[in-house]
C-alpha cells in the first residue's frame, strides 16, 4: 500500500488533513473538511488530480506527481473521467446559454 498525507489551507482557520492511499487498484481519498467528513468529494484532494494550485502544506511537487500517477488504472479513474466530461458539458452549456441570451436581447430590441 502507498499512502501520502498532507494538509491544505482551506477557508477554515486550521488547515484540512488529507490522506490519499493506493492499495492495489483501490484509490482512497480522505479529507476532514466538512464535505469530506460527509463522505463526498472535495476540492482539497481533487485539486491534486486537477493540477490546480492550492496552498499545500508538507506536500512537494514530486509527491503531487506520484499521487496523480495513482489515478491511472485505479477504481477512481472511470468516475474521475466521467466527472470531468460533465464539467466540460457544464462549461459548454453555460457558453451556449450566454449566446442564446445575447440573441434574445438582440431580438427583443427590434
C-alpha atoms as a PDB file:
ATOM      1  CA  UNK A   1       0.000   0.000   0.000  1.00  0.00           C
ATOM      2  CA  UNK A   2       1.129   3.527  -0.826  1.00  0.00           C
ATOM      3  CA  UNK A   3      -0.045   6.497   1.218  1.00  0.00           C
ATOM      4  CA  UNK A   4       0.650  10.207   1.312  1.00  0.00           C
ATOM      5  CA  UNK A   5      -0.802  12.546   3.923  1.00  0.00           C
ATOM      6  CA  UNK A   6      -0.694  16.310   3.742  1.00  0.00           C
ATOM      7  CA  UNK A   7      -2.583  19.432   4.706  1.00  0.00           C
ATOM      8  CA  UNK A   8      -4.279  22.089   2.601  1.00  0.00           C
ATOM      9  CA  UNK A   9      -5.310  25.514   3.774  1.00  0.00           C
ATOM     10  CA  UNK A  10      -8.999  25.943   3.110  1.00  0.00           C
ATOM     11  CA  UNK A  11     -11.497  28.503   4.324  1.00  0.00           C
ATOM     12  CA  UNK A  12     -11.188  27.413   7.966  1.00  0.00           C
ATOM     13  CA  UNK A  13      -8.532  28.858  10.223  1.00  0.00           C
ATOM     14  CA  UNK A  14      -6.874  25.464  10.633  1.00  0.00           C
ATOM     15  CA  UNK A  15      -5.677  23.528   7.577  1.00  0.00           C
ATOM     16  CA  UNK A  16      -7.527  20.401   6.480  1.00  0.00           C
ATOM     17  CA  UNK A  17      -5.892  16.975   6.764  1.00  0.00           C
ATOM     18  CA  UNK A  18      -5.906  14.870   3.605  1.00  0.00           C
ATOM     19  CA  UNK A  19      -4.755  11.287   3.125  1.00  0.00           C
ATOM     20  CA  UNK A  20      -4.600   9.664  -0.287  1.00  0.00           C
ATOM     21  CA  UNK A  21      -3.762   5.984  -0.443  1.00  0.00           C
ATOM     22  CA  UNK A  22      -3.490   3.324  -3.109  1.00  0.00           C
ATOM     23  CA  UNK A  23      -3.945  -0.333  -2.275  1.00  0.00           C
ATOM     24  CA  UNK A  24      -3.895  -2.402  -5.451  1.00  0.00           C
ATOM     25  CA  UNK A  25      -6.366  -0.553  -7.665  1.00  0.00           C
ATOM     26  CA  UNK A  26      -8.291   0.935  -4.729  1.00  0.00           C
ATOM     27  CA  UNK A  27      -7.610   4.656  -4.540  1.00  0.00           C
ATOM     28  CA  UNK A  28      -8.922   6.256  -1.374  1.00  0.00           C
ATOM     29  CA  UNK A  29      -9.047   9.990  -0.726  1.00  0.00           C
ATOM     30  CA  UNK A  30      -9.952  11.252   2.726  1.00  0.00           C
ATOM     31  CA  UNK A  31     -10.230  14.868   3.869  1.00  0.00           C
ATOM     32  CA  UNK A  32     -11.502  16.177   7.192  1.00  0.00           C
ATOM     33  CA  UNK A  33     -13.158  19.265   5.674  1.00  0.00           C
ATOM     34  CA  UNK A  34     -16.974  19.485   6.016  1.00  0.00           C
ATOM     35  CA  UNK A  35     -17.600  17.923   2.578  1.00  0.00           C
ATOM     36  CA  UNK A  36     -15.004  15.210   3.079  1.00  0.00           C
ATOM     37  CA  UNK A  37     -16.333  14.440   6.553  1.00  0.00           C
ATOM     38  CA  UNK A  38     -19.710  13.709   4.947  1.00  0.00           C
ATOM     39  CA  UNK A  39     -18.059  11.234   2.592  1.00  0.00           C
ATOM     40  CA  UNK A  40     -18.307  13.320  -0.557  1.00  0.00           C
ATOM     41  CA  UNK A  41     -15.583  14.501  -2.900  1.00  0.00           C
ATOM     42  CA  UNK A  42     -13.920  17.767  -2.006  1.00  0.00           C
ATOM     43  CA  UNK A  43     -11.707  20.293  -3.733  1.00  0.00           C
ATOM     44  CA  UNK A  44      -8.843  19.694  -1.296  1.00  0.00           C
ATOM     45  CA  UNK A  45      -7.935  16.268  -2.654  1.00  0.00           C
ATOM     46  CA  UNK A  46      -9.426  16.799  -6.111  1.00  0.00           C
ATOM     47  CA  UNK A  47      -7.134  19.762  -6.756  1.00  0.00           C
ATOM     48  CA  UNK A  48      -4.114  17.457  -6.690  1.00  0.00           C
ATOM     49  CA  UNK A  49      -5.537  15.442  -9.599  1.00  0.00           C
ATOM     50  CA  UNK A  50      -6.759  18.564 -11.422  1.00  0.00           C
ATOM     51  CA  UNK A  51      -3.342  20.190 -11.234  1.00  0.00           C
ATOM     52  CA  UNK A  52      -4.823  23.267  -9.562  1.00  0.00           C
ATOM     53  CA  UNK A  53      -2.570  25.334  -7.376  1.00  0.00           C
ATOM     54  CA  UNK A  54      -3.577  25.242  -3.761  1.00  0.00           C
ATOM     55  CA  UNK A  55      -1.844  26.153  -0.536  1.00  0.00           C
ATOM     56  CA  UNK A  56      -0.469  22.695   0.225  1.00  0.00           C
ATOM     57  CA  UNK A  57       1.365  22.146   3.459  1.00  0.00           C
ATOM     58  CA  UNK A  58       4.062  19.444   3.639  1.00  0.00           C
ATOM     59  CA  UNK A  59       3.420  18.271   0.055  1.00  0.00           C
ATOM     60  CA  UNK A  60       6.024  18.760  -2.648  1.00  0.00           C
ATOM     61  CA  UNK A  61       5.853  18.559  -6.453  1.00  0.00           C
ATOM     62  CA  UNK A  62       7.249  15.021  -6.630  1.00  0.00           C
ATOM     63  CA  UNK A  63       4.589  13.802  -4.182  1.00  0.00           C
ATOM     64  CA  UNK A  64       1.875  15.536  -6.232  1.00  0.00           C
ATOM     65  CA  UNK A  65       3.132  13.804  -9.379  1.00  0.00           C
ATOM     66  CA  UNK A  66       3.233  10.465  -7.553  1.00  0.00           C
ATOM     67  CA  UNK A  67      -0.354  10.884  -6.332  1.00  0.00           C
ATOM     68  CA  UNK A  68      -1.508  11.877  -9.818  1.00  0.00           C
ATOM     69  CA  UNK A  69       0.097   8.726 -11.262  1.00  0.00           C
ATOM     70  CA  UNK A  70      -2.047   6.590  -8.947  1.00  0.00           C
ATOM     71  CA  UNK A  71      -5.261   7.618 -10.743  1.00  0.00           C
ATOM     72  CA  UNK A  72      -4.484   5.628 -13.894  1.00  0.00           C
ATOM     73  CA  UNK A  73      -5.798   2.078 -13.513  1.00  0.00           C
ATOM     74  CA  UNK A  74      -7.468   2.813 -10.183  1.00  0.00           C
ATOM     75  CA  UNK A  75     -11.114   2.349  -9.306  1.00  0.00           C
ATOM     76  CA  UNK A  76     -11.484   6.160  -9.341  1.00  0.00           C
ATOM     77  CA  UNK A  77     -10.205   6.578 -12.902  1.00  0.00           C
ATOM     78  CA  UNK A  78     -13.574   5.973 -14.595  1.00  0.00           C
ATOM     79  CA  UNK A  79     -15.677   8.182 -12.278  1.00  0.00           C
ATOM     80  CA  UNK A  80     -12.953  10.847 -12.466  1.00  0.00           C
ATOM     81  CA  UNK A  81     -13.124  10.841 -16.262  1.00  0.00           C
ATOM     82  CA  UNK A  82     -16.936  10.947 -16.172  1.00  0.00           C
ATOM     83  CA  UNK A  83     -16.843  13.834 -13.706  1.00  0.00           C
ATOM     84  CA  UNK A  84     -14.536  15.791 -15.996  1.00  0.00           C
ATOM     85  CA  UNK A  85     -16.774  15.129 -19.012  1.00  0.00           C
ATOM     86  CA  UNK A  86     -19.708  16.558 -17.039  1.00  0.00           C
ATOM     87  CA  UNK A  87     -17.653  19.620 -16.104  1.00  0.00           C
ATOM     88  CA  UNK A  88     -16.837  20.136 -19.784  1.00  0.00           C
ATOM     89  CA  UNK A  89     -20.535  19.823 -20.695  1.00  0.00           C
ATOM     90  CA  UNK A  90     -21.453  22.319 -17.983  1.00  0.00           C
ATOM     91  CA  UNK A  91     -18.980  24.833 -19.414  1.00  0.00           C
ATOM     92  CA  UNK A  92     -20.343  24.268 -22.907  1.00  0.00           C
ATOM     93  CA  UNK A  93     -23.948  24.714 -21.694  1.00  0.00           C
ATOM     94  CA  UNK A  94     -23.005  27.900 -19.861  1.00  0.00           C
ATOM     95  CA  UNK A  95     -21.460  29.313 -23.037  1.00  0.00           C
ATOM     96  CA  UNK A  96     -24.497  28.328 -25.143  1.00  0.00           C
ATOM     97  CA  UNK A  97     -26.859  29.875 -22.616  1.00  0.00           C
ATOM     98  CA  UNK A  98     -24.876  33.108 -22.749  1.00  0.00           C
ATOM     99  CA  UNK A  99     -25.013  33.075 -26.576  1.00  0.00           C
ATOM    100  CA  UNK A 100     -28.771  32.479 -26.557  1.00  0.00           C
ATOM    101  CA  UNK A 101     -29.292  35.254 -24.001  1.00  0.00           C
ATOM    102  CA  UNK A 102     -27.483  37.645 -26.348  1.00  0.00           C
ATOM    103  CA  UNK A 103     -29.778  36.562 -29.198  1.00  0.00           C
ATOM    104  CA  UNK A 104     -32.844  37.194 -27.014  1.00  0.00           C
ATOM    105  CA  UNK A 105     -31.608  40.707 -26.228  1.00  0.00           C
ATOM    106  CA  UNK A 106     -31.000  41.446 -29.911  1.00  0.00           C
ATOM    107  CA  UNK A 107     -34.381  40.061 -30.933  1.00  0.00           C
ATOM    108  CA  UNK A 108     -36.244  41.994 -28.230  1.00  0.00           C
ATOM    109  CA  UNK A 109     -34.671  45.306 -29.312  1.00  0.00           C
ATOM    110  CA  UNK A 110     -36.203  45.033 -32.782  1.00  0.00           C
END
